[in-house]
């Protein structure tokens, strides 16, 4: 029998494997055309639900995170898993009403936010200290990476055999039957449920409130430098295919770059998390931002298949680093007591950037006929985020920031995580 911490890591990875990203976002392209043709809706009308999901997630993350800080993450994640599975399966009953279709997706967005990666990260941070960065990277990177790779394959196999409606039912069943049992037995908020010696004190989590965290400079630096950058990079991920096909690349080559981008992102979250545990400095992320900027330049302006593949690798390094760094530094800078609230607000910025950047890219394309200006603008934004990393403090060996509080400052600044 694996140890309690190993079981927790497996459960958290499984939760990410069957989350909204894998079940809906990764498979959406597979369902877009069949739904459009079957129900007589335009592709733009169908894909508009992705924007709705982004808005609902961004609005609900802070409330969900605050509730988890009060009642615990486990019951909400378990409930979210069940609700997400049933709602995904309910898409098999979609009628010809577009507004009901949007309502279904709105509810899916809310359920998916409840059991999303930022919420699972709260539990992982509670369990791990010295290996926190590594385990955040493993559970989120491998979970999301494997899920986003396998779910489209499942959808692609089943759709021509049983149709899009039954395929949605099958995906809902996978979310429930794979995710719920493992998380029910192995996902727990803290190691406190495991029997301990009578003289061993129960672990007490310290940290700032959301209000106290938001009164510090490092909160806004983290939001602007990392959270917004991660959202913008995710938006680039959704536009790899049109960016490449507009420049004459074949669809197969473009999707190959997407796969490279996704796999490197997943792997690099693990790599970055492990390095953060040892080096504990945001300066570690600087060259990875530079890699993302170079990758985006190659994607839009490079020539040949080798440049395109290199772009996928470099972009994956950048996005993987951003997603690994965000929960790690959130837990180290602000502690674990109110981690759910603070991390959820930071991830709301990710979702907003993820939802707004594609629209801005397409507006730029409509005005100029290419993505050149949009790519250059995103490179400039990434450069600004990279510069802001130099103003974030490092982390000491004890897990505390290497800075002395500056007065006046909220009293919570003194209550850093002992973590």
Protein backbone atom coordinates (compact mmCIF):
# COMPACT_ATOMS: atom_id res chain seq x y z
CA UNK A 1 0.00 0.00 0.00
CA UNK A 2 1.51 3.39 -0.95
CA UNK A 3 2.09 5.97 1.76
CA UNK A 4 -0.59 8.52 2.65
CA UNK A 5 1.25 11.32 0.84
CA UNK A 6 1.65 9.18 -2.28
CA UNK A 7 -2.05 8.32 -2.23
CA UNK A 8 -2.86 12.01 -1.89
CA UNK A 9 -0.65 12.84 -4.88
CA UNK A 10 -2.34 10.15 -6.99
CA UNK A 11 -5.79 11.45 -6.04
CA UNK A 12 -4.84 15.06 -6.81
CA UNK A 13 -3.35 14.04 -10.16
CA UNK A 14 -6.51 12.09 -10.99
CA UNK A 15 -8.66 15.08 -10.06
CA UNK A 16 -6.73 17.22 -12.52
CA UNK A 17 -6.94 14.47 -15.15
CA UNK A 18 -10.75 14.61 -15.17
CA UNK A 19 -11.21 18.33 -14.58
CA UNK A 20 -12.90 20.91 -16.83
CA UNK A 21 -9.75 21.47 -18.88
CA UNK A 22 -9.59 17.83 -20.00
CA UNK A 23 -13.32 17.08 -20.24
CA UNK A 24 -14.47 20.25 -22.00
CA UNK A 25 -11.68 22.58 -23.16
CA UNK A 26 -9.44 19.90 -24.67
CA UNK A 27 -12.30 18.10 -26.45
CA UNK A 28 -14.26 21.13 -27.61
CA UNK A 29 -12.64 21.29 -31.04
CA UNK A 30 -13.69 17.69 -31.69
CA UNK A 31 -17.35 18.49 -31.01
CA UNK A 32 -17.52 21.93 -32.64
CA UNK A 33 -18.32 20.93 -36.22
CA UNK A 34 -20.73 18.04 -35.43
CA UNK A 35 -22.75 20.20 -33.04
CA UNK A 36 -22.82 23.09 -35.49
CA UNK A 37 -23.97 20.89 -38.35
CA UNK A 38 -26.48 18.86 -36.33
CA UNK A 39 -28.18 21.79 -34.63
CA UNK A 40 -27.81 24.34 -37.41
CA UNK A 41 -25.85 26.88 -35.36
CA UNK A 42 -22.84 28.84 -36.58
CA UNK A 43 -19.44 27.82 -35.26
CA UNK A 44 -19.06 31.24 -33.64
CA UNK A 45 -22.32 30.74 -31.76
CA UNK A 46 -21.20 27.34 -30.50
CA UNK A 47 -17.67 28.41 -29.51
CA UNK A 48 -19.06 31.41 -27.64
CA UNK A 49 -19.67 29.11 -24.68
CA UNK A 50 -15.92 29.09 -24.01
CA UNK A 51 -16.03 32.80 -23.28
CA UNK A 52 -18.99 32.22 -20.98
CA UNK A 53 -17.04 29.56 -19.07
CA UNK A 54 -14.10 31.97 -18.66
CA UNK A 55 -16.33 34.72 -17.25
CA UNK A 56 -18.12 32.39 -14.84
CA UNK A 57 -14.87 30.82 -13.64
CA UNK A 58 -13.20 34.20 -13.10
CA UNK A 59 -16.23 35.46 -11.14
CA UNK A 60 -16.67 32.32 -9.05
CA UNK A 61 -13.05 31.42 -8.20
CA UNK A 62 -12.69 33.94 -5.34
CA UNK A 63 -15.97 32.87 -3.72
CA UNK A 64 -15.13 29.18 -4.10
CA UNK A 65 -11.64 29.71 -2.68
CA UNK A 66 -12.99 31.64 0.32
CA UNK A 67 -15.57 28.92 1.02
CA UNK A 68 -12.88 26.23 0.84
CA UNK A 69 -10.81 28.10 3.41
CA UNK A 70 -13.80 27.90 5.76
CA UNK A 71 -15.25 24.42 5.20
CA UNK A 72 -12.36 22.57 3.59
CA UNK A 73 -11.55 21.80 -0.03
CA UNK A 74 -12.39 18.08 -0.08
CA UNK A 75 -16.21 18.28 0.16
CA UNK A 76 -16.40 20.99 -2.50
CA UNK A 77 -14.04 19.22 -4.88
CA UNK A 78 -15.99 15.97 -4.48
CA UNK A 79 -19.30 17.74 -5.08
CA UNK A 80 -17.83 19.58 -8.05
CA UNK A 81 -16.63 16.32 -9.60
CA UNK A 82 -20.11 14.78 -9.39
CA UNK A 83 -21.81 17.91 -10.71
CA UNK A 84 -19.33 18.28 -13.57
CA UNK A 85 -19.78 14.64 -14.62
CA UNK A 86 -23.57 14.87 -14.64
CA UNK A 87 -23.63 18.19 -16.47
CA UNK A 88 -21.19 17.00 -19.15
CA UNK A 89 -23.35 13.92 -19.64
CA UNK A 90 -26.42 16.17 -19.87
CA UNK A 91 -25.01 17.67 -23.06
CA UNK A 92 -26.21 14.48 -24.74
CA UNK A 93 -29.73 15.85 -24.25
CA UNK A 94 -29.02 19.25 -25.83
CA UNK A 95 -32.03 20.53 -27.76
CA UNK A 96 -32.24 23.06 -30.56
CA UNK A 97 -32.40 25.95 -28.09
CA UNK A 98 -29.17 27.95 -28.11
CA UNK A 99 -29.88 29.72 -24.83
CA UNK A 100 -30.42 26.38 -23.07
CA UNK A 101 -27.11 25.21 -24.54
CA UNK A 102 -25.44 28.28 -23.03
CA UNK A 103 -27.17 27.61 -19.72
CA UNK A 104 -25.80 24.08 -19.69
CA UNK A 105 -22.29 25.34 -20.33
CA UNK A 106 -22.68 28.07 -17.73
CA UNK A 107 -23.48 25.44 -15.11
CA UNK A 108 -20.59 23.32 -16.37
CA UNK A 109 -18.29 26.31 -15.89
CA UNK A 110 -19.45 26.74 -12.30
CA UNK A 111 -19.13 23.04 -11.45
CA UNK A 112 -15.75 22.85 -13.17
CA UNK A 113 -14.44 25.84 -11.21
CA UNK A 114 -15.26 24.05 -7.95
CA UNK A 115 -12.97 21.11 -8.74
CA UNK A 116 -10.38 22.96 -10.85
CA UNK A 117 -6.59 22.82 -10.50
CA UNK A 118 -6.33 25.91 -8.24
CA UNK A 119 -8.68 24.26 -5.75
CA UNK A 120 -6.77 20.98 -5.80
CA UNK A 121 -3.55 22.98 -5.35
CA UNK A 122 -4.83 24.06 -1.93
CA UNK A 123 -4.84 20.46 -0.70
CA UNK A 124 -1.47 19.66 -2.27
CA UNK A 125 0.07 22.73 -0.58
CA UNK A 126 -1.36 21.62 2.78
CA UNK A 127 0.32 18.22 2.48
CA UNK A 128 3.77 19.11 1.16
CA UNK A 129 6.39 21.56 2.37
CA UNK A 130 9.94 20.75 1.27
CA UNK A 131 8.65 19.17 -1.96
CA UNK A 132 5.74 21.53 -2.47
CA UNK A 133 6.88 22.95 -5.80
CA UNK A 134 7.61 19.50 -7.21
CA UNK A 135 4.29 18.03 -6.10
CA UNK A 136 2.29 21.00 -7.35
CA UNK A 137 4.02 20.50 -10.69
CA UNK A 138 3.46 16.74 -10.73
CA UNK A 139 -0.21 16.78 -9.77
CA UNK A 140 -1.20 19.67 -12.06
CA UNK A 141 1.26 19.14 -14.90
CA UNK A 142 0.86 15.39 -15.32
CA UNK A 143 -2.84 15.45 -14.46
CA UNK A 144 -3.81 18.18 -16.89
CA UNK A 145 -1.30 17.05 -19.50
CA UNK A 146 -2.44 13.43 -19.57
CA UNK A 147 -6.11 14.39 -19.35
CA UNK A 148 -5.86 16.96 -22.15
CA UNK A 149 -4.06 14.38 -24.29
CA UNK A 150 -6.28 11.34 -23.67
CA UNK A 151 -9.75 12.91 -23.55
CA UNK A 152 -9.60 14.20 -27.16
CA UNK A 153 -8.38 10.76 -28.26
CA UNK A 154 -11.35 9.13 -26.54
CA UNK A 155 -13.71 11.66 -28.09
CA UNK A 156 -12.16 11.19 -31.53
CA UNK A 157 -12.58 7.40 -31.34
CA UNK A 158 -16.13 7.39 -29.99
CA UNK A 159 -17.65 10.23 -31.99
CA UNK A 160 -17.78 8.50 -35.41
CA UNK A 161 -19.00 5.30 -33.73
CA UNK A 162 -21.78 6.54 -31.44
CA UNK A 163 -22.26 10.23 -32.33
CA UNK A 164 -21.49 13.41 -30.38
CA UNK A 165 -24.39 13.07 -27.95
CA UNK A 166 -23.46 9.61 -26.66
CA UNK A 167 -19.79 10.62 -26.65
CA UNK A 168 -20.54 13.45 -24.23
CA UNK A 169 -22.36 10.90 -22.08
CA UNK A 170 -19.27 8.67 -22.12
CA UNK A 171 -16.97 11.53 -21.13
CA UNK A 172 -19.27 12.39 -18.24
CA UNK A 173 -19.11 8.77 -17.11
CA UNK A 174 -15.29 8.80 -17.25
CA UNK A 175 -15.14 11.97 -15.14
CA UNK A 176 -17.29 10.36 -12.46
CA UNK A 177 -16.14 6.73 -12.49
CA UNK A 178 -12.44 7.53 -12.68
CA UNK A 179 -12.31 10.64 -10.52
CA UNK A 180 -14.79 10.09 -7.71
CA UNK A 181 -13.66 6.74 -6.21
CA UNK A 182 -9.97 7.64 -6.09
CA UNK A 183 -10.59 11.08 -4.63
CA UNK A 184 -13.17 9.76 -2.16
CA UNK A 185 -10.68 7.39 -0.55
CA UNK A 186 -7.39 9.25 -0.98
CA UNK A 187 -8.06 13.00 -1.22
CA UNK A 188 -8.04 14.66 2.21
CA UNK A 189 -7.55 18.30 3.19
CA UNK A 190 -4.62 17.71 5.56
CA UNK A 191 -2.49 14.83 6.84
CA UNK A 192 -4.45 15.19 10.11
CA UNK A 193 -6.82 12.34 9.21
CA UNK A 194 -3.86 9.93 9.35
CA UNK A 195 -3.31 8.58 12.85
CA UNK A 196 -0.46 10.32 14.65
CA UNK A 197 1.27 9.97 18.01
CA UNK A 198 -0.55 11.37 21.01
CA UNK A 199 2.25 13.82 21.79
CA UNK A 200 2.48 15.10 18.20
CA UNK A 201 0.71 18.46 17.86
CA UNK A 202 -1.81 19.00 15.12
CA UNK A 203 -0.44 21.12 12.29
CA UNK A 204 -1.61 24.73 12.39
CA UNK A 205 -1.60 26.76 9.19
CA UNK A 206 -0.70 30.44 9.30
CA UNK A 207 -0.90 33.15 6.71
CA UNK A 208 -2.42 36.40 5.51
CA UNK A 209 -6.03 37.05 4.71
CA UNK A 210 -6.91 38.06 1.17
CA UNK A 211 -7.26 41.69 2.28
CA UNK A 212 -3.84 41.63 3.91
CA UNK A 213 -2.23 39.93 0.91
CA UNK A 214 -3.77 42.45 -1.49
CA UNK A 215 -2.23 45.28 0.55
CA UNK A 216 1.28 44.05 -0.30
CA UNK A 217 3.29 44.88 -3.39
CA UNK A 218 4.24 41.27 -4.00
CA UNK A 219 0.57 40.29 -4.51
CA UNK A 220 0.14 42.70 -7.41
CA UNK A 221 3.53 41.87 -8.83
CA UNK A 222 2.61 38.18 -8.80
CA UNK A 223 -0.75 38.91 -10.41
CA UNK A 224 0.72 41.07 -13.18
CA UNK A 225 3.95 39.17 -13.79
CA UNK A 226 2.78 35.55 -13.53
CA UNK A 227 -1.02 35.23 -13.48
CA UNK A 228 -1.66 37.52 -16.45
CA UNK A 229 1.25 36.00 -18.35
CA UNK A 230 -0.09 32.47 -17.82
CA UNK A 231 -3.50 33.51 -19.14
CA UNK A 232 -2.00 35.19 -22.19
CA UNK A 233 0.12 32.13 -22.97
CA UNK A 234 -2.94 29.89 -22.72
CA UNK A 235 -4.64 32.15 -25.26
CA UNK A 236 -1.67 31.71 -27.60
CA UNK A 237 -2.06 27.95 -27.19
CA UNK A 238 -5.63 28.16 -28.54
CA UNK A 239 -4.42 30.07 -31.62
CA UNK A 240 -1.45 27.94 -32.67
CA UNK A 241 -3.41 26.22 -35.45
CA UNK A 242 -4.81 29.37 -37.14
CA UNK A 243 -1.49 31.19 -36.70
CA UNK A 244 0.33 28.38 -38.51
CA UNK A 245 -2.24 27.51 -41.18
CA UNK A 246 -2.53 31.18 -42.17
CA UNK A 247 1.19 31.05 -42.93
CA UNK A 248 0.88 27.98 -45.15
CA UNK A 249 1.59 25.14 -42.72
CA UNK A 250 -0.55 22.02 -42.99
CA UNK A 251 -3.14 21.13 -40.40
CA UNK A 252 -1.24 17.99 -39.37
CA UNK A 253 1.94 19.95 -38.75
CA UNK A 254 0.04 22.59 -36.80
CA UNK A 255 -1.64 20.05 -34.55
CA UNK A 256 1.75 18.42 -34.00
CA UNK A 257 3.06 21.72 -32.65
CA UNK A 258 0.00 21.98 -30.40
CA UNK A 259 0.76 18.52 -29.02
CA UNK A 260 4.41 19.47 -28.44
CA UNK A 261 3.32 22.68 -26.73
CA UNK A 262 0.95 20.79 -24.42
CA UNK A 263 3.33 17.96 -23.52
CA UNK A 264 6.26 20.27 -22.80
CA UNK A 265 4.00 22.47 -20.68
CA UNK A 266 3.00 19.47 -18.56
CA UNK A 267 6.56 18.18 -18.19
CA UNK A 268 8.03 21.60 -17.49
CA UNK A 269 5.62 22.22 -14.63
CA UNK A 270 7.25 19.27 -12.89
CA UNK A 271 10.78 20.44 -13.76
CA UNK A 272 10.12 24.00 -12.61
CA UNK A 273 8.45 22.87 -9.39
CA UNK A 274 11.45 20.72 -8.48
CA UNK A 275 13.88 23.57 -9.20
CA UNK A 276 11.80 26.03 -7.15
CA UNK A 277 12.04 23.72 -4.14
CA UNK A 278 15.83 24.01 -4.32
CA UNK A 279 16.46 27.57 -5.55
CA UNK A 280 13.35 29.34 -4.16
CA UNK A 281 13.71 32.48 -6.25
CA UNK A 282 11.48 34.05 -8.91
CA UNK A 283 14.60 34.85 -10.92
CA UNK A 284 14.58 31.17 -11.90
CA UNK A 285 11.56 31.96 -14.09
CA UNK A 286 13.25 34.81 -16.00
CA UNK A 287 14.99 32.68 -18.68
CA UNK A 288 11.79 30.69 -19.11
CA UNK A 289 9.91 33.88 -19.96
CA UNK A 290 12.66 34.62 -22.46
CA UNK A 291 12.08 31.16 -23.93
CA UNK A 292 8.36 31.90 -24.32
CA UNK A 293 9.09 35.20 -26.07
CA UNK A 294 11.52 33.48 -28.45
CA UNK A 295 9.01 30.69 -29.07
CA UNK A 296 6.21 33.08 -29.96
CA UNK A 297 8.56 34.93 -32.31
CA UNK A 298 9.48 31.66 -34.03
CA UNK A 299 5.85 30.58 -34.23
CA UNK A 300 4.73 33.72 -36.03
CA UNK A 301 7.85 34.76 -37.94
CA UNK A 302 10.03 31.64 -38.21
CA UNK A 303 10.41 29.58 -41.36
CA UNK A 304 10.20 25.82 -41.75
CA UNK A 305 9.02 22.88 -39.72
CA UNK A 306 12.07 22.82 -37.42
CA UNK A 307 11.40 26.40 -36.31
CA UNK A 308 7.75 25.55 -35.67
CA UNK A 309 8.66 22.53 -33.52
CA UNK A 310 11.21 24.61 -31.60
CA UNK A 311 8.48 27.19 -31.05
CA UNK A 312 6.24 24.56 -29.48
CA UNK A 313 9.03 23.49 -27.11
CA UNK A 314 9.94 27.04 -26.08
CA UNK A 315 6.32 28.07 -25.59
CA UNK A 316 5.73 24.97 -23.46
CA UNK A 317 8.70 25.87 -21.28
CA UNK A 318 7.30 29.35 -20.71
CA UNK A 319 3.74 28.29 -19.95
CA UNK A 320 4.80 25.36 -17.78
CA UNK A 321 7.01 27.66 -15.71
CA UNK A 322 4.21 30.18 -15.19
CA UNK A 323 1.68 27.59 -14.06
CA UNK A 324 4.22 25.98 -11.70
CA UNK A 325 5.34 29.28 -10.19
CA UNK A 326 1.93 30.79 -9.46
CA UNK A 327 0.63 28.45 -6.69
CA UNK A 328 4.13 27.91 -5.30
CA UNK A 329 4.89 31.59 -4.69
CA UNK A 330 1.33 32.23 -3.55
CA UNK A 331 1.75 29.65 -0.78
CA UNK A 332 5.21 30.92 0.19
CA UNK A 333 4.45 34.65 0.15
CA UNK A 334 1.04 34.59 1.82
CA UNK A 335 0.87 31.32 3.79
CA UNK A 336 -1.66 28.51 3.76
CA UNK A 337 -4.39 29.63 6.13
CA UNK A 338 -6.23 31.59 3.41
CA UNK A 339 -4.46 30.06 0.42
CA UNK A 340 -7.73 29.12 -1.26
CA UNK A 341 -9.00 32.70 -1.34
CA UNK A 342 -5.74 34.28 -2.48
CA UNK A 343 -4.82 31.66 -5.07
CA UNK A 344 -8.34 31.77 -6.49
CA UNK A 345 -8.11 35.52 -7.06
CA UNK A 346 -4.78 35.09 -8.82
CA UNK A 347 -6.25 32.36 -11.02
CA UNK A 348 -9.22 34.59 -11.79
CA UNK A 349 -6.69 36.86 -13.50
CA UNK A 350 -5.43 33.85 -15.45
CA UNK A 351 -8.95 33.05 -16.64
CA UNK A 352 -9.72 36.66 -17.57
CA UNK A 353 -6.53 36.97 -19.60
CA UNK A 354 -7.24 33.57 -21.15
CA UNK A 355 -10.73 34.71 -22.15
CA UNK A 356 -9.94 38.25 -23.33
CA UNK A 357 -6.64 37.74 -25.17
CA UNK A 358 -8.08 35.52 -27.97
CA UNK A 359 -10.71 38.16 -28.72
CA UNK A 360 -8.02 40.84 -28.87
CA UNK A 361 -5.91 38.64 -31.15
CA UNK A 362 -8.85 38.08 -33.50
CA UNK A 363 -9.70 41.80 -33.53
CA UNK A 364 -6.11 42.51 -34.52
CA UNK A 365 -6.34 39.85 -37.23
CA UNK A 366 -9.57 41.36 -38.54
CA UNK A 367 -7.97 44.79 -38.76
CA UNK A 368 -4.63 43.76 -40.28
CA UNK A 369 -5.18 40.36 -41.92
CA UNK A 370 -2.46 38.66 -39.86
CA UNK A 371 -1.44 37.86 -36.29
CA UNK A 372 1.88 39.73 -36.58
CA UNK A 373 0.87 42.74 -34.49
CA UNK A 374 -0.86 40.57 -31.89
CA UNK A 375 2.23 38.35 -31.54
CA UNK A 376 4.48 41.37 -31.11
CA UNK A 377 2.14 42.85 -28.51
CA UNK A 378 2.12 39.62 -26.49
CA UNK A 379 5.92 39.45 -26.67
CA UNK A 380 6.10 42.98 -25.25
CA UNK A 381 3.67 42.05 -22.46
CA UNK A 382 5.73 38.95 -21.61
CA UNK A 383 8.85 41.13 -21.54
CA UNK A 384 7.18 43.47 -19.06
CA UNK A 385 6.17 40.50 -16.89
CA UNK A 386 9.72 39.18 -17.00
CA UNK A 387 11.02 42.56 -15.81
CA UNK A 388 8.58 42.55 -12.88
CA UNK A 389 10.00 39.22 -11.67
CA UNK A 390 13.13 41.08 -10.54
CA UNK A 391 11.05 42.94 -7.96
CA UNK A 392 9.64 39.80 -6.29
CA UNK A 393 11.47 38.63 -3.14
CA UNK A 394 13.20 35.31 -2.82
CA UNK A 395 12.26 32.59 -0.34
CA UNK A 396 14.50 31.57 2.58
CA UNK A 397 15.31 28.00 3.55
CA UNK A 398 12.57 28.17 6.20
CA UNK A 399 9.93 29.00 3.57
CA UNK A 400 9.66 32.66 4.55
CA UNK A 401 10.28 35.59 2.24
CA UNK A 402 13.70 37.21 2.45
CA UNK A 403 12.29 40.67 3.07
CA UNK A 404 11.57 42.68 6.19
CA UNK A 405 8.05 44.15 6.46
CA UNK A 406 7.90 47.84 5.62
CA UNK A 407 5.66 50.08 7.72
CA UNK A 408 2.88 50.89 7.42
CA UNK A 409 1.69 47.45 6.39
CA UNK A 410 -1.14 45.13 7.32
CA UNK A 411 -0.44 43.14 10.44
CA UNK A 412 -0.97 39.93 8.49
CA UNK A 413 2.38 40.58 6.76
CA UNK A 414 3.97 39.31 9.98
CA UNK A 415 2.07 36.02 9.79
CA UNK A 416 3.92 34.27 7.00
CA UNK A 417 3.51 30.54 6.48
CA UNK A 418 5.70 28.41 8.70
CA UNK A 419 5.09 25.95 5.86
